[in-house]
Protein backbone atom coordinates (compact mmCIF):
# COMPACT_ATOMS: atom_id res chain seq x y z
CA MET A 1 97.97 126.28 88.44
CA THR A 2 94.29 126.61 89.28
CA THR A 3 92.49 127.99 92.32
CA ASN A 4 89.88 126.51 94.62
CA SER A 5 86.85 128.10 96.27
CA THR A 6 89.05 129.69 99.01
CA SER A 7 91.14 131.39 96.29
CA ALA A 8 94.27 129.59 97.53
CA PRO A 9 96.23 128.43 94.49
CA VAL A 10 96.20 124.71 93.78
CA THR A 11 99.72 123.38 93.41
CA THR A 12 101.59 120.06 93.49
CA ILE A 13 103.88 118.65 96.13
CA GLU A 14 106.94 118.72 93.89
CA ARG A 15 106.47 122.49 93.53
CA LEU A 16 106.14 123.33 97.24
CA GLY A 17 109.64 124.88 97.24
CA ASN A 18 108.10 127.82 95.29
CA HIS A 19 105.47 128.42 97.94
CA VAL A 20 107.25 128.59 101.30
CA GLY A 21 105.37 131.00 103.57
CA GLN A 22 102.32 130.97 101.27
CA THR A 23 98.87 129.42 101.60
CA VAL A 24 98.15 126.82 98.91
CA THR A 25 95.88 123.86 98.23
CA LEU A 26 96.92 120.31 97.71
CA GLN A 27 94.78 117.53 96.21
CA GLY A 28 95.65 113.95 96.88
CA TRP A 29 95.31 110.72 98.87
CA VAL A 30 96.27 109.63 102.39
CA TYR A 31 99.50 107.70 102.22
CA ASP A 32 99.80 107.37 106.04
CA LYS A 33 98.20 108.94 109.05
CA SER A 34 98.83 109.21 112.81
CA SER A 35 97.19 111.24 115.58
CA LYS A 36 98.47 112.61 118.86
CA GLY A 37 96.04 114.45 121.06
CA LYS A 38 94.96 117.60 119.29
CA LEU A 39 97.12 116.88 116.25
CA HIS A 40 96.60 114.81 113.10
CA PHE A 41 99.65 114.05 110.99
CA ILE A 42 98.63 113.14 107.45
CA LYS A 43 101.12 112.12 104.83
CA LEU A 44 99.47 113.22 101.59
CA ARG A 45 100.55 111.93 98.21
CA ASP A 46 99.49 113.57 94.97
CA GLY A 47 101.42 111.63 92.35
CA THR A 48 104.34 114.10 92.39
CA GLY A 49 105.53 113.45 95.93
CA ILE A 50 104.57 113.13 99.63
CA CYS A 51 103.96 116.04 102.00
CA GLN A 52 103.28 115.91 105.72
CA CYS A 53 100.18 117.89 106.53
CA VAL A 54 99.63 118.81 110.19
CA ALA A 55 96.06 119.60 111.35
CA PHE A 56 95.86 121.24 114.83
CA LYS A 57 92.43 121.09 116.42
CA GLY A 58 92.42 124.83 117.06
CA ASP A 59 93.25 125.72 113.44
CA VAL A 60 90.50 123.80 111.61
CA SER A 61 86.75 123.31 112.09
CA GLU A 62 85.59 120.65 114.54
CA GLU A 63 83.83 118.80 111.68
CA LEU A 64 87.00 118.63 109.57
CA PHE A 65 89.17 117.61 112.54
CA GLU A 66 86.72 114.80 113.33
CA LYS A 67 86.69 113.59 109.72
CA LEU A 68 90.47 113.65 109.40
CA GLY A 69 90.71 111.44 112.47
CA HIS A 70 88.72 108.66 110.76
CA LEU A 71 90.45 108.64 107.41
CA GLY A 72 91.84 105.31 106.23
CA GLN A 73 94.74 104.78 103.86
CA GLU A 74 94.05 106.06 100.29
CA SER A 75 91.14 108.29 101.34
CA SER A 76 91.02 111.20 98.91
CA LEU A 77 90.93 114.80 100.14
CA VAL A 78 91.70 118.43 99.40
CA LEU A 79 93.70 120.42 102.01
CA THR A 80 94.55 124.11 102.19
CA GLY A 81 97.26 125.47 104.45
CA THR A 82 100.55 127.32 104.88
CA ILE A 83 103.78 125.83 103.69
CA LYS A 84 107.00 125.89 105.66
CA ALA A 85 110.40 124.33 105.13
CA GLU A 86 110.87 121.31 107.36
CA PRO A 87 113.99 119.20 106.74
CA ARG A 88 112.67 116.30 108.87
CA ALA A 89 109.49 115.95 106.80
CA PRO A 90 109.18 113.90 103.58
CA GLY A 91 110.24 116.11 100.69
CA GLY A 92 111.52 118.81 103.05
CA TYR A 93 108.24 120.81 103.38
CA GLU A 94 105.24 120.69 105.65
CA MET A 95 101.72 122.10 105.48
CA SER A 96 99.91 123.60 108.45
CA VAL A 97 96.31 122.77 107.55
CA LYS A 98 93.69 125.55 107.80
CA GLU A 99 90.77 124.04 105.93
CA GLY A 100 89.85 121.20 103.61
CA ARG A 101 87.32 118.63 102.58
CA VAL A 102 87.19 114.84 102.33
CA VAL A 103 86.36 113.68 98.82
CA GLN A 104 86.04 109.94 99.77
CA GLN A 105 86.65 108.19 103.08
CA VAL A 106 88.21 104.79 102.49
CA GLU A 107 88.23 101.74 104.73
CA GLY A 108 89.95 98.38 104.19
CA TYR A 109 92.55 99.34 101.58
CA PRO A 110 94.12 95.93 100.74
CA ILE A 111 97.76 96.92 100.49
CA THR A 112 98.93 97.75 104.00
CA PRO A 113 102.42 98.51 105.40
CA LYS A 114 102.77 94.83 106.33
CA GLU A 115 104.71 92.37 104.12
CA HIS A 116 102.85 91.07 101.10
CA GLY A 117 103.93 88.31 98.70
CA PRO A 118 104.76 89.11 95.03
CA ASP A 119 101.76 87.23 93.65
CA PHE A 120 99.38 89.28 95.83
CA LEU A 121 101.04 92.46 94.90
CA LEU A 122 101.00 91.65 91.17
CA SER A 123 97.31 90.74 91.40
CA ASN A 124 96.77 94.15 92.88
CA ARG A 125 99.13 95.92 90.52
CA HIS A 126 96.50 98.57 89.80
CA LEU A 127 96.78 99.61 93.47
CA TRP A 128 100.42 98.65 94.12
CA LEU A 129 101.48 101.42 91.72
CA ARG A 130 100.54 103.90 94.50
CA SER A 131 103.26 102.52 96.79
CA LYS A 132 106.34 104.63 97.22
CA LYS A 133 108.82 102.31 95.56
CA GLN A 134 106.55 101.55 92.57
CA TRP A 135 105.83 105.26 92.25
CA ALA A 136 109.55 105.94 92.18
CA LEU A 137 110.14 103.27 89.56
CA MET A 138 107.51 104.60 87.21
CA ARG A 139 108.85 108.15 87.59
CA ILE A 140 112.29 106.81 86.67
CA ARG A 141 110.78 105.00 83.68
CA ASP A 142 109.20 108.24 82.55
CA ALA A 143 112.54 110.09 82.86
CA VAL A 144 114.27 107.39 80.78
CA ILE A 145 111.64 107.66 78.04
CA THR A 146 111.88 111.47 78.06
CA ALA A 147 115.66 111.37 77.96
CA ILE A 148 115.65 108.92 75.05
CA ARG A 149 113.34 111.11 72.98
CA ARG A 150 115.33 114.25 73.82
CA PHE A 151 118.56 112.53 72.82
CA TYR A 152 117.33 111.52 69.38
CA ASP A 153 115.51 114.79 68.82
CA GLU A 154 118.65 116.75 69.52
CA ARG A 155 120.53 114.59 66.98
CA GLY A 156 118.05 115.12 64.17
CA PHE A 157 116.32 111.72 64.26
CA VAL A 158 112.67 111.34 63.20
CA CYS A 159 110.34 109.11 65.17
CA ILE A 160 108.55 106.79 62.67
CA ASP A 161 106.63 104.09 64.44
CA SER A 162 106.42 100.52 63.13
CA PRO A 163 103.23 98.43 63.04
CA ILE A 164 102.33 95.96 65.78
CA PHE A 165 100.62 93.52 63.39
CA THR A 166 103.13 91.89 61.03
CA PRO A 167 102.76 89.25 58.32
CA ALA A 168 106.01 87.40 59.26
CA ALA A 169 108.78 86.94 61.82
CA CYS A 170 111.80 89.20 62.21
CA GLU A 171 113.94 86.78 64.23
CA GLY A 172 112.57 83.26 63.83
CA THR A 173 109.08 81.84 64.31
CA SER A 174 109.34 80.05 67.64
CA THR A 175 108.49 83.04 69.80
CA LEU A 176 105.66 84.59 67.80
CA PHE A 177 102.19 85.30 69.08
CA GLU A 178 99.82 84.34 66.23
CA VAL A 179 96.53 86.20 66.06
CA GLN A 180 93.46 86.01 63.81
CA TYR A 181 93.45 88.91 61.31
CA PHE A 182 89.97 88.88 59.68
CA GLU A 183 90.13 85.89 57.28
CA ASP A 184 93.86 85.59 57.56
CA LYS A 185 96.49 85.32 60.30
CA ALA A 186 99.06 87.79 61.51
CA TYR A 187 101.65 88.03 64.28
CA LEU A 188 102.36 90.46 67.07
CA THR A 189 105.64 92.13 66.28
CA GLN A 190 108.89 90.90 67.84
CA SER A 191 110.66 94.07 66.71
CA GLY A 192 110.07 97.25 64.73
CA GLN A 193 113.46 97.02 63.11
CA LEU A 194 112.62 95.85 59.58
CA TYR A 195 110.13 98.69 59.12
CA ALA A 196 112.60 101.09 60.72
CA GLU A 197 115.05 100.11 58.01
CA ALA A 198 112.47 101.18 55.37
CA SER A 199 111.89 104.42 57.23
CA ALA A 200 115.65 105.10 57.40
CA MET A 201 115.83 104.91 53.61
CA ALA A 202 113.22 107.67 53.48
CA PHE A 203 114.40 109.88 56.34
CA GLY A 204 118.10 109.02 56.94
CA LYS A 205 118.02 108.81 60.72
CA VAL A 206 114.93 107.38 62.47
CA TYR A 207 113.83 105.58 65.55
CA THR A 208 110.80 103.54 66.47
CA PHE A 209 109.60 103.24 70.07
CA GLY A 210 106.77 100.96 71.09
CA PRO A 211 105.57 97.61 72.44
CA THR A 212 106.98 94.32 71.18
CA PHE A 213 106.00 90.74 71.97
CA ARG A 214 107.87 87.48 72.52
CA ALA A 215 106.04 84.22 73.14
CA GLU A 216 109.07 82.93 75.02
CA LYS A 217 108.28 80.38 77.78
CA SER A 218 110.64 81.88 80.21
CA LYS A 219 110.03 82.64 83.89
CA THR A 220 113.34 84.39 84.62
CA ARG A 221 113.63 87.79 86.24
CA ARG A 222 114.84 89.22 82.91
CA HIS A 223 111.86 88.32 80.72
CA LEU A 224 108.47 89.74 79.87
CA THR A 225 106.14 88.67 77.07
CA GLU A 226 105.27 92.32 76.32
CA PHE A 227 107.93 94.95 76.56
CA TRP A 228 108.89 98.26 75.00
CA MET A 229 111.77 98.57 72.54
CA LEU A 230 113.62 101.60 71.28
CA GLU A 231 115.07 100.95 67.84
CA PRO A 232 117.13 103.59 66.04
CA GLU A 233 118.16 102.96 62.45
CA VAL A 234 120.74 104.97 60.52
CA ALA A 235 121.43 105.09 56.79
CA PHE A 236 125.12 105.25 55.73
CA ALA A 237 126.18 103.85 59.08
CA ASP A 238 128.33 100.87 60.05
CA LEU A 239 128.79 98.78 63.20
CA ASP A 240 131.26 101.23 64.76
CA ASP A 241 128.84 104.10 64.21
CA ILE A 242 125.97 102.48 66.10
CA MET A 243 128.24 101.25 68.87
CA GLN A 244 129.19 104.87 69.40
CA LEU A 245 125.53 105.92 69.21
CA ALA A 246 124.57 103.35 71.85
CA GLU A 247 127.36 104.51 74.16
CA ASP A 248 126.45 108.21 73.77
CA MET A 249 122.77 107.48 74.40
CA LEU A 250 123.27 105.42 77.57
CA CYS A 251 125.58 108.03 79.04
CA TYR A 252 123.05 110.75 78.24
CA VAL A 253 120.09 108.83 79.66
CA VAL A 254 121.82 107.96 82.93
CA LYS A 255 122.98 111.58 83.39
CA GLN A 256 119.43 112.86 82.82
CA VAL A 257 117.91 110.42 85.32
CA LEU A 258 120.50 111.38 87.96
CA GLU A 259 119.62 115.04 87.40
CA ARG A 260 115.83 114.66 87.27
CA ARG A 261 115.02 111.71 89.50
CA LYS A 262 117.52 111.74 92.39
CA PRO A 263 114.78 111.65 95.09
CA GLU A 264 113.18 108.66 93.45
CA LEU A 265 116.55 106.82 93.19
CA LEU A 266 117.14 107.53 96.88
CA ALA A 267 113.65 106.24 97.71
CA LEU A 268 114.70 102.98 96.09
CA GLU A 269 117.98 103.06 98.06
CA ARG A 270 119.91 103.03 94.79
CA ASP A 271 123.69 103.35 95.10
CA LEU A 272 124.18 106.51 93.08
CA THR A 273 127.96 105.90 92.76
CA LYS A 274 127.13 102.96 90.50
CA LEU A 275 125.34 105.32 88.09
CA GLU A 276 127.79 108.21 88.38
CA CYS A 277 130.56 106.08 86.87
CA ILE A 278 128.48 105.39 83.68
CA GLN A 279 130.76 107.44 81.43
CA ALA A 280 132.50 106.92 78.16
CA PRO A 281 134.41 105.04 76.95
CA PHE A 282 132.71 101.69 77.47
CA PRO A 283 134.90 98.56 77.32
CA ARG A 284 134.69 96.67 74.03
CA LEU A 285 135.33 92.92 73.68
CA SER A 286 135.12 90.75 70.60
CA TYR A 287 133.15 87.51 70.97
CA ASP A 288 136.46 85.62 70.85
CA GLU A 289 137.92 87.71 73.67
CA ALA A 290 134.81 87.22 75.75
CA ALA A 291 134.83 83.48 75.04
CA LYS A 292 138.41 83.20 76.37
CA ILE A 293 137.33 84.91 79.60
CA LEU A 294 134.41 82.55 80.02
CA ALA A 295 136.54 79.47 79.23
CA GLN A 296 138.78 80.37 82.15
CA HIS A 297 135.98 81.10 84.59
CA PRO A 298 135.27 78.31 87.08
CA GLU A 299 131.52 78.89 87.12
CA SER A 300 130.97 79.01 83.34
CA THR A 301 129.67 76.08 81.25
CA PHE A 302 130.03 78.14 78.01
CA LYS A 303 131.07 76.34 74.81
CA TYR A 304 132.71 78.22 72.00
CA GLY A 305 130.23 78.86 69.18
CA ASP A 306 127.23 79.18 71.45
CA ASP A 307 125.36 82.39 72.12
CA PHE A 308 125.83 83.73 75.66
CA GLY A 309 123.30 82.64 78.24
CA ALA A 310 122.24 84.73 81.22
CA PRO A 311 124.98 83.29 83.52
CA ASP A 312 127.62 84.13 80.87
CA GLU A 313 126.37 87.66 80.54
CA THR A 314 126.38 88.01 84.31
CA ILE A 315 130.01 86.89 84.56
CA LEU A 316 131.09 89.35 81.86
CA SER A 317 129.10 92.31 83.12
CA LYS A 318 130.35 91.94 86.72
CA MET A 319 133.89 92.49 85.45
CA PHE A 320 133.18 96.17 84.66
CA ASP A 321 131.67 99.17 86.38
CA ARG A 322 129.92 100.30 83.18
CA PRO A 323 128.22 98.63 80.23
CA VAL A 324 130.45 96.35 78.14
CA MET A 325 130.06 95.93 74.43
CA VAL A 326 130.58 92.46 72.96
CA HIS A 327 130.84 92.43 69.18
CA ARG A 328 131.23 90.05 66.22
CA TYR A 329 129.38 86.91 67.28
CA PRO A 330 129.36 83.72 65.18
CA LYS A 331 126.92 84.19 62.32
CA GLU A 332 125.03 80.97 63.27
CA VAL A 333 123.64 82.43 66.50
CA LYS A 334 122.52 85.73 65.00
CA ALA A 335 119.67 86.87 62.80
CA PHE A 336 119.48 86.52 59.04
CA TYR A 337 119.62 90.25 58.30
CA MET A 338 123.03 90.86 59.94
CA LYS A 339 125.93 91.56 57.60
CA ARG A 340 128.96 89.24 57.71
CA ASP A 341 132.36 90.58 58.72
CA PRO A 342 134.45 90.95 55.54
CA ALA A 343 137.60 90.26 57.66
CA ASP A 344 136.07 87.00 58.99
CA PRO A 345 132.91 85.77 57.25
CA SER A 346 132.21 83.34 60.07
CA LYS A 347 131.28 86.35 62.22
CA ALA A 348 128.34 88.78 62.05
CA LEU A 349 128.89 92.54 62.35
CA CYS A 350 126.79 92.77 65.50
CA VAL A 351 127.05 93.95 69.12
CA ASP A 352 125.37 93.18 72.42
CA VAL A 353 125.60 95.74 75.20
CA LEU A 354 125.62 94.11 78.64
CA GLY A 355 124.54 96.26 81.52
CA PRO A 356 126.68 96.26 84.69
CA GLU A 357 125.82 94.62 88.01
CA GLY A 358 124.72 91.39 86.34
CA VAL A 359 121.82 93.00 84.47
CA GLY A 360 122.47 91.18 81.20
CA GLU A 361 121.82 92.36 77.63
CA ILE A 362 120.14 95.75 77.38
CA ILE A 363 121.01 96.45 73.70
CA GLY A 364 121.38 94.26 70.66
CA GLY A 365 122.41 95.72 67.32
CA SER A 366 124.15 95.17 64.04
CA GLN A 367 125.14 96.42 60.63
CA ARG A 368 122.46 95.16 58.26
CA GLU A 369 123.07 93.21 55.06
CA GLU A 370 122.56 95.66 52.21
CA ASP A 371 123.28 93.25 49.32
CA LEU A 372 120.16 91.86 47.64
CA ASP A 373 121.55 88.51 46.59
CA ALA A 374 123.13 87.83 49.99
CA LEU A 375 119.89 88.75 51.84
CA GLN A 376 117.74 86.58 49.59
CA GLY A 377 120.09 83.68 50.25
CA ARG A 378 119.78 84.14 54.00
CA ILE A 379 115.99 84.24 53.89
CA ARG A 380 116.05 80.92 52.06
CA GLU A 381 118.60 79.45 54.44
CA HIS A 382 116.38 80.27 57.43
CA GLY A 383 113.28 78.79 55.73
CA LEU A 384 111.47 82.12 55.86
CA PRO A 385 108.57 82.91 53.44
CA GLU A 386 110.19 85.00 50.77
CA GLU A 387 106.90 86.51 49.63
CA ALA A 388 106.38 88.05 53.09
CA PHE A 389 109.73 89.83 52.76
CA ALA A 390 109.22 91.13 49.23
CA TRP A 391 108.90 94.75 50.47
CA TYR A 392 112.02 94.26 52.69
CA LEU A 393 114.02 93.05 49.70
CA ASP A 394 112.85 96.13 47.76
CA LEU A 395 115.05 98.21 50.08
CA ARG A 396 118.01 96.43 48.53
CA ARG A 397 116.75 96.88 44.99
CA TYR A 398 116.12 100.62 45.08
CA GLY A 399 118.91 102.75 46.56
CA SER A 400 120.48 100.30 48.92
CA VAL A 401 123.18 101.72 51.24
CA PRO A 402 125.13 100.44 54.24
CA HIS A 403 123.01 100.96 57.37
CA ALA A 404 122.88 99.89 60.97
CA GLY A 405 120.80 100.05 64.09
CA PHE A 406 120.04 98.47 67.44
CA GLY A 407 117.22 97.65 69.83
CA LEU A 408 117.15 98.71 73.50
CA GLY A 409 114.83 96.92 75.97
CA LEU A 410 113.17 99.67 78.01
CA GLU A 411 112.21 97.60 81.01
CA ARG A 412 115.68 96.04 81.38
CA THR A 413 117.24 99.47 81.12
CA VAL A 414 114.87 100.97 83.68
CA GLY A 415 115.44 97.99 86.00
CA TRP A 416 119.20 98.42 85.77
CA ILE A 417 119.14 102.20 86.37
CA ALA A 418 116.64 101.84 89.26
CA GLY A 419 118.48 98.92 90.75
CA THR A 420 115.43 96.62 90.93
CA GLU A 421 115.98 92.89 90.81
CA HIS A 422 113.05 91.79 88.65
CA VAL A 423 112.22 93.41 85.28
CA ARG A 424 108.49 93.03 86.00
CA GLU A 425 108.65 95.96 88.39
CA ALA A 426 109.89 98.22 85.59
CA SER A 427 106.63 97.75 83.71
CA PRO A 428 103.41 99.40 84.91
CA TYR A 429 101.31 96.37 84.07
CA PRO A 430 103.70 93.44 83.40
CA ARG A 431 102.75 90.62 81.10
CA MET A 432 104.48 87.36 81.77
CA MET A 433 104.05 83.71 80.79
CA TYR A 434 101.88 83.09 83.85
CA ARG A 435 100.21 86.46 84.27
CA ILE A 436 97.93 88.67 82.15
CA TYR A 437 95.83 90.21 84.99
CA PRO A 438 95.09 92.99 85.77
């Protein structure tokens, strides 16, 4: 906490509960303003919350009162006053203004309380982030990230980040962004997993957390071309181990968000009962069990042997009030590095975690193939350049062990927890097939 020229301590709106009856200074922007006779009612936002600041003509200088009356939305200012509890006010506290100064008077702010279309709002994303619902979403995103890092830190994982430039594909070449790399070419990473496997062989339990890229020509509400992935990798682990890890992590993250971001969830009108029931155990279905359910569903066009599409995932996820784990898919629809099930070699030892409420896949994971010969054979089967995977095959030559991991899509997870319909709102600056501005 700092002080201003009046010696009143500078604080933030989220900390006003510690200053009831005290005189403090707030620094922020006008979220909304109204006037009534000798009173100005200014809703001030400072990035941590919104506070109603009441300026009575007799309590402030004539000059300040006059300036406050002409402030437009998003004008920046510094206000000093006394804090009192006020249940009817935003955030439960109110400031009686005594003095202040206008940093910048704004006119013509483009995003007004009226209805705007999504294209206009996305083109003004740099300003739209200041709106209450977008502010709440980003605060929830921050809490999800913080909870994820705490979870893995408490369990002894080491964060080892993977590179963004890669020499080859992780999961097929059709969705790669190719870039010029000096005199050669490289690709933007689809996943940090392969490098996380190498890190796990050095540190035992690791995770990588960063941006990934898919050149997928999809315009659905579930897709972005740039998104963040959390990818834990564990040596001496099998499929059951990482299914349990995923369940523990999701329960932990949802609990942390409920504890830390309840006002933001309420600002989004999120049904908290939907989150309060996210508790272990999660239902577990084999691919074959899930396929039988879809075969009997009147709205499904699913054919056995196919991967699940978004409509299939929606049907399955709406059957449960918590995430459902679908495991052991046909090997043909899964990546080359996934280990085959010894009990049924036609299946891969993999799992997809489908979020509830029709959210779709939020986690995809597997036990990795640790046998050198088997992995070399798969790379050849998939027509991948073996020389680009020489280092990856080294992991099977020198101290190979059973290991497993998964990838969690951050934006889909945030969107599910926050209850937003489109994943683009869970990213501060979304990148989609048809949008790269601002």
